Amino acid sequence: MKIIILAFLLTASMGAFSATETNSIRTSTDFIEVGSSQRDIVQKLGRPESTYEYKIRDRNGRLVFATDFYYSIDGLKYTITVVGSHVTKIVWER
């Protein structure tokens, strides 16, 4: 019984630290959303804290370059994924 309770508590606590995908980020005057350009990100959010570049396969199986931009905004950590100079995914976590 103790093992079941412990497993439940561990599983429940994992959700508190998981990331959540969203469609947009509110800046002080505008939005960054899926489909925005890489230029929009830098103009509206400034320089990222860090970036990570890598290759992924697109829907047709071709290799394409992707870049993750990392920002901390109001205590939340955002990862903005850019493929082909446009935002394809935005993830935030506490």
PDB file of N, CA and C in Angstrom:
ATOM      1  N   MET A   1       0.817  -1.194   0.000  1.00  0.00           N
ATOM      2  CA  MET A   1       0.000   0.000   0.000  1.00  0.00           C
ATOM      3  C   MET A   1       0.863   1.261   0.000  1.00  0.00           C
ATOM      4  N   LYS A   2       1.937   1.245   0.794  1.00  0.00           N
ATOM      5  CA  LYS A   2       2.829   2.403   0.845  1.00  0.00           C
ATOM      6  C   LYS A   2       3.481   2.654  -0.507  1.00  0.00           C
ATOM      7  N   ILE A   3       3.800   1.582  -1.208  1.00  0.00           N
ATOM      8  CA  ILE A   3       4.432   1.726  -2.513  1.00  0.00           C
ATOM      9  C   ILE A   3       3.471   2.367  -3.504  1.00  0.00           C
ATOM     10  N   ILE A   4       2.217   2.003  -3.440  1.00  0.00           N
ATOM     11  CA  ILE A   4       1.220   2.581  -4.334  1.00  0.00           C
ATOM     12  C   ILE A   4       1.057   4.068  -4.057  1.00  0.00           C
ATOM     13  N   ILE A   5       1.000   4.439  -2.793  1.00  0.00           N
ATOM     14  CA  ILE A   5       0.867   5.856  -2.432  1.00  0.00           C
ATOM     15  C   ILE A   5       2.105   6.634  -2.878  1.00  0.00           C
ATOM     16  N   LEU A   6       3.283   6.065  -2.657  1.00  0.00           N
ATOM     17  CA  LEU A   6       4.523   6.717  -3.071  1.00  0.00           C
ATOM     18  C   LEU A   6       4.566   6.888  -4.591  1.00  0.00           C
ATOM     19  N   ALA A   7       4.179   5.862  -5.325  1.00  0.00           N
ATOM     20  CA  ALA A   7       4.154   5.955  -6.786  1.00  0.00           C
ATOM     21  C   ALA A   7       3.174   7.029  -7.244  1.00  0.00           C
ATOM     22  N   PHE A   8       2.022   7.108  -6.601  1.00  0.00           N
ATOM     23  CA  PHE A   8       1.034   8.130  -6.950  1.00  0.00           C
ATOM     24  C   PHE A   8       1.583   9.530  -6.690  1.00  0.00           C
ATOM     25  N   LEU A   9       2.224   9.738  -5.560  1.00  0.00           N
ATOM     26  CA  LEU A   9       2.769  11.050  -5.232  1.00  0.00           C
ATOM     27  C   LEU A   9       3.884  11.462  -6.203  1.00  0.00           C
ATOM     28  N   LEU A  10       4.723  10.517  -6.565  1.00  0.00           N
ATOM     29  CA  LEU A  10       5.780  10.829  -7.521  1.00  0.00           C
ATOM     30  C   LEU A  10       5.212  11.171  -8.888  1.00  0.00           C
ATOM     31  N   THR A  11       4.213  10.433  -9.318  1.00  0.00           N
ATOM     32  CA  THR A  11       3.583  10.707 -10.607  1.00  0.00           C
ATOM     33  C   THR A  11       2.878  12.052 -10.594  1.00  0.00           C
ATOM     34  N   ALA A  12       2.188  12.366  -9.529  1.00  0.00           N
ATOM     35  CA  ALA A  12       1.469  13.637  -9.434  1.00  0.00           C
ATOM     36  C   ALA A  12       2.437  14.818  -9.399  1.00  0.00           C
ATOM     37  N   SER A  13       3.573  14.662  -8.751  1.00  0.00           N
ATOM     38  CA  SER A  13       4.527  15.771  -8.653  1.00  0.00           C
ATOM     39  C   SER A  13       5.268  16.013  -9.958  1.00  0.00           C
ATOM     40  N   MET A  14       5.353  15.027 -10.818  1.00  0.00           N
ATOM     41  CA  MET A  14       6.036  15.199 -12.095  1.00  0.00           C
ATOM     42  C   MET A  14       5.311  16.211 -12.973  1.00  0.00           C
ATOM     43  N   GLY A  15       4.016  16.297 -12.878  1.00  0.00           N
ATOM     44  CA  GLY A  15       3.249  17.247 -13.663  1.00  0.00           C
ATOM     45  C   GLY A  15       3.543  18.686 -13.296  1.00  0.00           C
ATOM     46  N   ALA A  16       3.956  18.931 -12.085  1.00  0.00           N
ATOM     47  CA  ALA A  16       4.249  20.290 -11.642  1.00  0.00           C
ATOM     48  C   ALA A  16       5.504  20.847 -12.316  1.00  0.00           C
ATOM     49  N   PHE A  17       6.364  19.970 -12.805  1.00  0.00           N
ATOM     50  CA  PHE A  17       7.613  20.411 -13.410  1.00  0.00           C
ATOM     51  C   PHE A  17       7.649  20.183 -14.915  1.00  0.00           C
ATOM     52  N   SER A  18       6.571  19.759 -15.476  1.00  0.00           N
ATOM     53  CA  SER A  18       6.575  19.482 -16.912  1.00  0.00           C
ATOM     54  C   SER A  18       6.330  20.754 -17.714  1.00  0.00           C
ATOM     55  N   ALA A  19       6.710  20.699 -18.959  1.00  0.00           N
ATOM     56  CA  ALA A  19       6.541  21.841 -19.849  1.00  0.00           C
ATOM     57  C   ALA A  19       5.177  21.783 -20.516  1.00  0.00           C
ATOM     58  N   THR A  20       4.692  22.949 -20.915  1.00  0.00           N
ATOM     59  CA  THR A  20       3.391  23.071 -21.559  1.00  0.00           C
ATOM     60  C   THR A  20       3.551  23.800 -22.881  1.00  0.00           C
ATOM     61  N   GLU A  21       2.984  23.235 -23.927  1.00  0.00           N
ATOM     62  CA  GLU A  21       3.052  23.874 -25.238  1.00  0.00           C
ATOM     63  C   GLU A  21       1.952  24.917 -25.360  1.00  0.00           C
ATOM     64  N   THR A  22       2.273  26.042 -25.973  1.00  0.00           N
ATOM     65  CA  THR A  22       1.319  27.128 -26.155  1.00  0.00           C
ATOM     66  C   THR A  22       1.432  27.668 -27.579  1.00  0.00           C
ATOM     67  N   ASN A  23       0.530  28.554 -27.959  1.00  0.00           N
ATOM     68  CA  ASN A  23       0.547  29.111 -29.306  1.00  0.00           C
ATOM     69  C   ASN A  23       1.122  30.514 -29.384  1.00  0.00           C
ATOM     70  N   SER A  24       1.282  31.201 -28.226  1.00  0.00           N
ATOM     71  CA  SER A  24       1.767  32.574 -28.275  1.00  0.00           C
ATOM     72  C   SER A  24       2.405  32.986 -26.956  1.00  0.00           C
ATOM     73  N   ILE A  25       3.172  34.074 -27.030  1.00  0.00           N
ATOM     74  CA  ILE A  25       3.768  34.729 -25.864  1.00  0.00           C
ATOM     75  C   ILE A  25       3.395  36.195 -25.957  1.00  0.00           C
ATOM     76  N   ARG A  26       2.939  36.750 -24.862  1.00  0.00           N
ATOM     77  CA  ARG A  26       2.627  38.182 -24.834  1.00  0.00           C
ATOM     78  C   ARG A  26       3.889  38.946 -24.447  1.00  0.00           C
ATOM     79  N   THR A  27       4.250  39.923 -25.284  1.00  0.00           N
ATOM     80  CA  THR A  27       5.340  40.822 -24.939  1.00  0.00           C
ATOM     81  C   THR A  27       4.724  42.066 -24.309  1.00  0.00           C
ATOM     82  N   SER A  28       5.532  43.068 -24.036  1.00  0.00           N
ATOM     83  CA  SER A  28       4.991  44.274 -23.409  1.00  0.00           C
ATOM     84  C   SER A  28       4.034  45.016 -24.341  1.00  0.00           C
ATOM     85  N   THR A  29       4.219  44.881 -25.649  1.00  0.00           N
ATOM     86  CA  THR A  29       3.364  45.623 -26.582  1.00  0.00           C
ATOM     87  C   THR A  29       2.747  44.763 -27.679  1.00  0.00           C
ATOM     88  N   ASP A  30       3.131  43.491 -27.766  1.00  0.00           N
ATOM     89  CA  ASP A  30       2.690  42.684 -28.903  1.00  0.00           C
ATOM     90  C   ASP A  30       2.710  41.198 -28.544  1.00  0.00           C
ATOM     91  N   PHE A  31       2.556  40.339 -29.541  1.00  0.00           N
ATOM     92  CA  PHE A  31       2.570  38.895 -29.362  1.00  0.00           C
ATOM     93  C   PHE A  31       3.619  38.259 -30.262  1.00  0.00           C
ATOM     94  N   ILE A  32       4.176  37.167 -29.784  1.00  0.00           N
ATOM     95  CA  ILE A  32       4.941  36.244 -30.609  1.00  0.00           C
ATOM     96  C   ILE A  32       4.083  34.996 -30.673  1.00  0.00           C
ATOM     97  N   GLU A  33       3.831  34.500 -31.872  1.00  0.00           N
ATOM     98  CA  GLU A  33       2.978  33.322 -31.996  1.00  0.00           C
ATOM     99  C   GLU A  33       3.559  32.373 -33.026  1.00  0.00           C
ATOM    100  N   VAL A  34       3.048  31.149 -33.035  1.00  0.00           N
ATOM    101  CA  VAL A  34       3.471  30.176 -34.020  1.00  0.00           C
ATOM    102  C   VAL A  34       3.224  30.775 -35.401  1.00  0.00           C
ATOM    103  N   GLY A  35       4.261  30.756 -36.236  1.00  0.00           N
ATOM    104  CA  GLY A  35       4.185  31.370 -37.554  1.00  0.00           C
ATOM    105  C   GLY A  35       4.920  32.703 -37.639  1.00  0.00           C
ATOM    106  N   SER A  36       5.241  33.319 -36.488  1.00  0.00           N
ATOM    107  CA  SER A  36       6.005  34.570 -36.484  1.00  0.00           C
ATOM    108  C   SER A  36       7.406  34.302 -37.031  1.00  0.00           C
ATOM    109  N   SER A  37       8.045  35.348 -37.521  1.00  0.00           N
ATOM    110  CA  SER A  37       9.391  35.186 -38.076  1.00  0.00           C
ATOM    111  C   SER A  37      10.444  35.269 -36.979  1.00  0.00           C
ATOM    112  N   GLN A  38      11.617  34.785 -37.296  1.00  0.00           N
ATOM    113  CA  GLN A  38      12.738  34.856 -36.356  1.00  0.00           C
ATOM    114  C   GLN A  38      13.078  36.313 -36.070  1.00  0.00           C
ATOM    115  N   ARG A  39      12.954  37.168 -37.050  1.00  0.00           N
ATOM    116  CA  ARG A  39      13.204  38.601 -36.879  1.00  0.00           C
ATOM    117  C   ARG A  39      12.240  39.191 -35.848  1.00  0.00           C
ATOM    118  N   ASP A  40      10.962  38.784 -35.884  1.00  0.00           N
ATOM    119  CA  ASP A  40       9.981  39.261 -34.908  1.00  0.00           C
ATOM    120  C   ASP A  40      10.392  38.903 -33.484  1.00  0.00           C
ATOM    121  N   ILE A  41      10.906  37.694 -33.301  1.00  0.00           N
ATOM    122  CA  ILE A  41      11.321  37.249 -31.963  1.00  0.00           C
ATOM    123  C   ILE A  41      12.385  38.189 -31.404  1.00  0.00           C
ATOM    124  N   VAL A  42      13.415  38.439 -32.191  1.00  0.00           N
ATOM    125  CA  VAL A  42      14.521  39.271 -31.714  1.00  0.00           C
ATOM    126  C   VAL A  42      14.084  40.719 -31.526  1.00  0.00           C
ATOM    127  N   GLN A  43      13.243  41.237 -32.410  1.00  0.00           N
ATOM    128  CA  GLN A  43      12.774  42.615 -32.271  1.00  0.00           C
ATOM    129  C   GLN A  43      11.891  42.789 -31.039  1.00  0.00           C
ATOM    130  N   LYS A  44      11.029  41.825 -30.755  1.00  0.00           N
ATOM    131  CA  LYS A  44      10.053  41.981 -29.675  1.00  0.00           C
ATOM    132  C   LYS A  44      10.536  41.478 -28.328  1.00  0.00           C
ATOM    133  N   LEU A  45      11.405  40.451 -28.322  1.00  0.00           N
ATOM    134  CA  LEU A  45      11.877  39.884 -27.055  1.00  0.00           C
ATOM    135  C   LEU A  45      13.340  40.185 -26.767  1.00  0.00           C
ATOM    136  N   GLY A  46      14.063  40.706 -27.738  1.00  0.00           N
ATOM    137  CA  GLY A  46      15.481  40.977 -27.537  1.00  0.00           C
ATOM    138  C   GLY A  46      16.311  39.724 -27.726  1.00  0.00           C
ATOM    139  N   ARG A  47      17.545  39.809 -27.290  1.00  0.00           N
ATOM    140  CA  ARG A  47      18.453  38.667 -27.418  1.00  0.00           C
ATOM    141  C   ARG A  47      18.041  37.552 -26.466  1.00  0.00           C
ATOM    142  N   PRO A  48      18.104  36.313 -26.924  1.00  0.00           N
ATOM    143  CA  PRO A  48      17.774  35.189 -26.033  1.00  0.00           C
ATOM    144  C   PRO A  48      18.895  34.944 -25.031  1.00  0.00           C
ATOM    145  N   GLU A  49      18.541  34.258 -23.938  1.00  0.00           N
ATOM    146  CA  GLU A  49      19.563  33.891 -22.959  1.00  0.00           C
ATOM    147  C   GLU A  49      20.550  32.907 -23.571  1.00  0.00           C
ATOM    148  N   SER A  50      20.036  31.999 -24.389  1.00  0.00           N
ATOM    149  CA  SER A  50      20.890  31.050 -25.096  1.00  0.00           C
ATOM    150  C   SER A  50      20.133  30.487 -26.286  1.00  0.00           C
ATOM    151  N   THR A  51      20.859  29.810 -27.159  1.00  0.00           N
ATOM    152  CA  THR A  51      20.255  29.162 -28.318  1.00  0.00           C
ATOM    153  C   THR A  51      20.861  27.770 -28.470  1.00  0.00           C
ATOM    154  N   TYR A  52      20.139  26.919 -29.180  1.00  0.00           N
ATOM    155  CA  TYR A  52      20.626  25.575 -29.470  1.00  0.00           C
ATOM    156  C   TYR A  52      20.225  25.246 -30.903  1.00  0.00           C
ATOM    157  N   GLU A  53      21.209  24.956 -31.748  1.00  0.00           N
ATOM    158  CA  GLU A  53      20.944  24.651 -33.150  1.00  0.00           C
ATOM    159  C   GLU A  53      21.127  23.156 -33.387  1.00  0.00           C
ATOM    160  N   TYR A  54      20.240  22.583 -34.200  1.00  0.00           N
ATOM    161  CA  TYR A  54      20.294  21.155 -34.497  1.00  0.00           C
ATOM    162  C   TYR A  54      19.552  20.885 -35.796  1.00  0.00           C
ATOM    163  N   LYS A  55      19.619  19.644 -36.262  1.00  0.00           N
ATOM    164  CA  LYS A  55      18.927  19.237 -37.482  1.00  0.00           C
ATOM    165  C   LYS A  55      17.775  18.309 -37.117  1.00  0.00           C
ATOM    166  N   ILE A  56      16.666  18.462 -37.830  1.00  0.00           N
ATOM    167  CA  ILE A  56      15.526  17.563 -37.666  1.00  0.00           C
ATOM    168  C   ILE A  56      15.023  17.194 -39.059  1.00  0.00           C
ATOM    169  N   ARG A  57      14.145  16.237 -39.104  1.00  0.00           N
ATOM    170  CA  ARG A  57      13.531  15.858 -40.382  1.00  0.00           C
ATOM    171  C   ARG A  57      12.151  16.496 -40.478  1.00  0.00           C
ATOM    172  N   ASP A  58      11.848  17.053 -41.652  1.00  0.00           N
ATOM    173  CA  ASP A  58      10.537  17.649 -41.857  1.00  0.00           C
ATOM    174  C   ASP A  58       9.523  16.564 -42.228  1.00  0.00           C
ATOM    175  N   ARG A  59       8.327  16.971 -42.582  1.00  0.00           N
ATOM    176  CA  ARG A  59       7.257  16.014 -42.905  1.00  0.00           C
ATOM    177  C   ARG A  59       7.589  15.136 -44.106  1.00  0.00           C
ATOM    178  N   ASN A  60       8.446  15.650 -44.989  1.00  0.00           N
ATOM    179  CA  ASN A  60       8.825  14.896 -46.184  1.00  0.00           C
ATOM    180  C   ASN A  60      10.092  14.072 -45.981  1.00  0.00           C
ATOM    181  N   GLY A  61      10.632  14.084 -44.766  1.00  0.00           N
ATOM    182  CA  GLY A  61      11.820  13.303 -44.465  1.00  0.00           C
ATOM    183  C   GLY A  61      13.132  13.989 -44.776  1.00  0.00           C
ATOM    184  N   ARG A  62      13.097  15.251 -45.203  1.00  0.00           N
ATOM    185  CA  ARG A  62      14.322  15.992 -45.501  1.00  0.00           C
ATOM    186  C   ARG A  62      14.898  16.601 -44.226  1.00  0.00           C
ATOM    187  N   LEU A  63      16.233  16.682 -44.182  1.00  0.00           N
ATOM    188  CA  LEU A  63      16.886  17.328 -43.046  1.00  0.00           C
ATOM    189  C   LEU A  63      16.750  18.838 -43.150  1.00  0.00           C
ATOM    190  N   VAL A  64      16.339  19.477 -42.063  1.00  0.00           N
ATOM    191  CA  VAL A  64      16.243  20.931 -41.995  1.00  0.00           C
ATOM    192  C   VAL A  64      16.881  21.394 -40.690  1.00  0.00           C
ATOM    193  N   PHE A  65      17.349  22.627 -40.684  1.00  0.00           N
ATOM    194  CA  PHE A  65      17.945  23.190 -39.481  1.00  0.00           C
ATOM    195  C   PHE A  65      16.871  23.774 -38.577  1.00  0.00           C
ATOM    196  N   ALA A  66      17.021  23.552 -37.287  1.00  0.00           N
ATOM    197  CA  ALA A  66      16.117  24.108 -36.286  1.00  0.00           C
ATOM    198  C   ALA A  66      16.956  24.818 -35.228  1.00  0.00           C
ATOM    199  N   THR A  67      16.380  25.846 -34.640  1.00  0.00           N
ATOM    200  CA  THR A  67      17.042  26.581 -33.563  1.00  0.00           C
ATOM    201  C   THR A  67      16.060  26.782 -32.429  1.00  0.00           C
ATOM    202  N   ASP A  68      16.488  26.456 -31.219  1.00  0.00           N
ATOM    203  CA  ASP A  68      15.700  26.740 -30.017  1.00  0.00           C
ATOM    204  C   ASP A  68      16.243  28.008 -29.376  1.00  0.00           C
ATOM    205  N   PHE A  69      15.361  28.959 -29.118  1.00  0.00           N
ATOM    206  CA  PHE A  69      15.699  30.195 -28.432  1.00  0.00           C
ATOM    207  C   PHE A  69      15.155  30.097 -27.014  1.00  0.00           C
ATOM    208  N   TYR A  70      15.983  30.388 -26.017  1.00  0.00           N
ATOM    209  CA  TYR A  70      15.585  30.278 -24.618  1.00  0.00           C
ATOM    210  C   TYR A  70      15.457  31.667 -23.988  1.00  0.00           C
ATOM    211  N   TYR A  71      14.290  31.924 -23.394  1.00  0.00           N
ATOM    212  CA  TYR A  71      14.007  33.197 -22.721  1.00  0.00           C
ATOM    213  C   TYR A  71      13.418  32.928 -21.348  1.00  0.00           C
ATOM    214  N   SER A  72      13.688  33.809 -20.395  1.00  0.00           N
ATOM    215  CA  SER A  72      13.018  33.817 -19.093  1.00  0.00           C
ATOM    216  C   SER A  72      12.208  35.100 -19.020  1.00  0.00           C
ATOM    217  N   ILE A  73      10.888  34.949 -18.877  1.00  0.00           N
ATOM    218  CA  ILE A  73       9.987  36.097 -18.845  1.00  0.00           C
ATOM    219  C   ILE A  73       9.042  35.936 -17.670  1.00  0.00           C
ATOM    220  N   ASP A  74       9.058  36.890 -16.745  1.00  0.00           N
ATOM    221  CA  ASP A  74       8.174  36.886 -15.578  1.00  0.00           C
ATOM    222  C   ASP A  74       8.200  35.563 -14.826  1.00  0.00           C
ATOM    223  N   GLY A  75       9.379  35.018 -14.625  1.00  0.00           N
ATOM    224  CA  GLY A  75       9.522  33.795 -13.852  1.00  0.00           C
ATOM    225  C   GLY A  75       9.210  32.516 -14.619  1.00  0.00           C
ATOM    226  N   LEU A  76       8.893  32.613 -15.891  1.00  0.00           N
ATOM    227  CA  LEU A  76       8.628  31.436 -16.718  1.00  0.00           C
ATOM    228  C   LEU A  76       9.759  31.270 -17.723  1.00  0.00           C
ATOM    229  N   LYS A  77      10.104  30.029 -18.019  1.00  0.00           N
ATOM    230  CA  LYS A  77      11.132  29.737 -19.010  1.00  0.00           C
ATOM    231  C   LYS A  77      10.450  29.340 -20.312  1.00  0.00           C
ATOM    232  N   TYR A  78      10.765  30.056 -21.383  1.00  0.00           N
ATOM    233  CA  TYR A  78      10.183  29.789 -22.692  1.00  0.00           C
ATOM    234  C   TYR A  78      11.240  29.217 -23.628  1.00  0.00           C
ATOM    235  N   THR A  79      10.850  28.218 -24.394  1.00  0.00           N
ATOM    236  CA  THR A  79      11.673  27.680 -25.471  1.00  0.00           C
ATOM    237  C   THR A  79      10.896  27.901 -26.759  1.00  0.00           C
ATOM    238  N   ILE A  80      11.463  28.681 -27.658  1.00  0.00           N
ATOM    239  CA  ILE A  80      10.821  28.981 -28.937  1.00  0.00           C
ATOM    240  C   ILE A  80      11.613  28.259 -30.011  1.00  0.00           C
ATOM    241  N   THR A  81      10.959  27.349 -30.720  1.00  0.00           N
ATOM    242  CA  THR A  81      11.611  26.573 -31.769  1.00  0.00           C
ATOM    243  C   THR A  81      11.330  27.215 -33.119  1.00  0.00           C
ATOM    244  N   VAL A  82      12.407  27.470 -33.851  1.00  0.00           N
ATOM    245  CA  VAL A  82      12.317  28.095 -35.175  1.00  0.00           C
ATOM    246  C   VAL A  82      12.854  27.110 -36.208  1.00  0.00           C
ATOM    247  N   VAL A  83      12.056  26.859 -37.242  1.00  0.00           N
ATOM    248  CA  VAL A  83      12.463  26.021 -38.369  1.00  0.00           C
ATOM    249  C   VAL A  83      12.165  26.815 -39.636  1.00  0.00           C
ATOM    250  N   GLY A  84      13.160  26.969 -40.499  1.00  0.00           N
ATOM    251  CA  GLY A  84      12.958  27.716 -41.732  1.00  0.00           C
ATOM    252  C   GLY A  84      12.621  29.172 -41.499  1.00  0.00           C
ATOM    253  N   SER A  85      13.205  29.779 -40.487  1.00  0.00           N
ATOM    254  CA  SER A  85      13.047  31.185 -40.090  1.00  0.00           C
ATOM    255  C   SER A  85      11.659  31.540 -39.551  1.00  0.00           C
ATOM    256  N   HIS A  86      10.818  30.535 -39.238  1.00  0.00           N
ATOM    257  CA  HIS A  86       9.503  30.801 -38.646  1.00  0.00           C
ATOM    258  C   HIS A  86       9.307  29.948 -37.386  1.00  0.00           C
ATOM    259  N   VAL A  87       8.569  30.497 -36.426  1.00  0.00           N
ATOM    260  CA  VAL A  87       8.293  29.802 -35.177  1.00  0.00           C
ATOM    261  C   VAL A  87       7.379  28.604 -35.452  1.00  0.00           C
ATOM    262  N   THR A  88       7.802  27.432 -34.995  1.00  0.00           N
ATOM    263  CA  THR A  88       6.985  26.236 -35.169  1.00  0.00           C
ATOM    264  C   THR A  88       6.433  25.711 -33.854  1.00  0.00           C
ATOM    265  N   LYS A  89       7.073  26.091 -32.730  1.00  0.00           N
ATOM    266  CA  LYS A  89       6.610  25.595 -31.426  1.00  0.00           C
ATOM    267  C   LYS A  89       7.059  26.543 -30.330  1.00  0.00           C
ATOM    268  N   ILE A  90       6.182  26.725 -29.333  1.00  0.00           N
ATOM    269  CA  ILE A  90       6.509  27.519 -28.137  1.00  0.00           C
ATOM    270  C   ILE A  90       6.152  26.679 -26.925  1.00  0.00           C
ATOM    271  N   VAL A  91       7.128  26.501 -26.045  1.00  0.00           N
ATOM    272  CA  VAL A  91       6.940  25.698 -24.831  1.00  0.00           C
ATOM    273  C   VAL A  91       7.326  26.553 -23.636  1.00  0.00           C
ATOM    274  N   TRP A  92       6.530  26.488 -22.550  1.00  0.00           N
ATOM    275  CA  TRP A  92       6.891  27.214 -21.341  1.00  0.00           C
ATOM    276  C   TRP A  92       6.870  26.257 -20.156  1.00  0.00           C
ATOM    277  N   GLU A  93       7.681  26.593 -19.165  1.00  0.00           N
ATOM    278  CA  GLU A  93       7.695  25.823 -17.911  1.00  0.00           C
ATOM    279  C   GLU A  93       8.003  26.753 -16.754  1.00  0.00           C
ATOM    280  N   ARG A  94       7.581  26.354 -15.594  1.00  0.00           N
ATOM    281  CA  ARG A  94       7.819  27.162 -14.386  1.00  0.00           C
ATOM    282  C   ARG A  94       9.201  26.923 -13.855  1.00  0.00           C
TER     283      ARG A  94
END
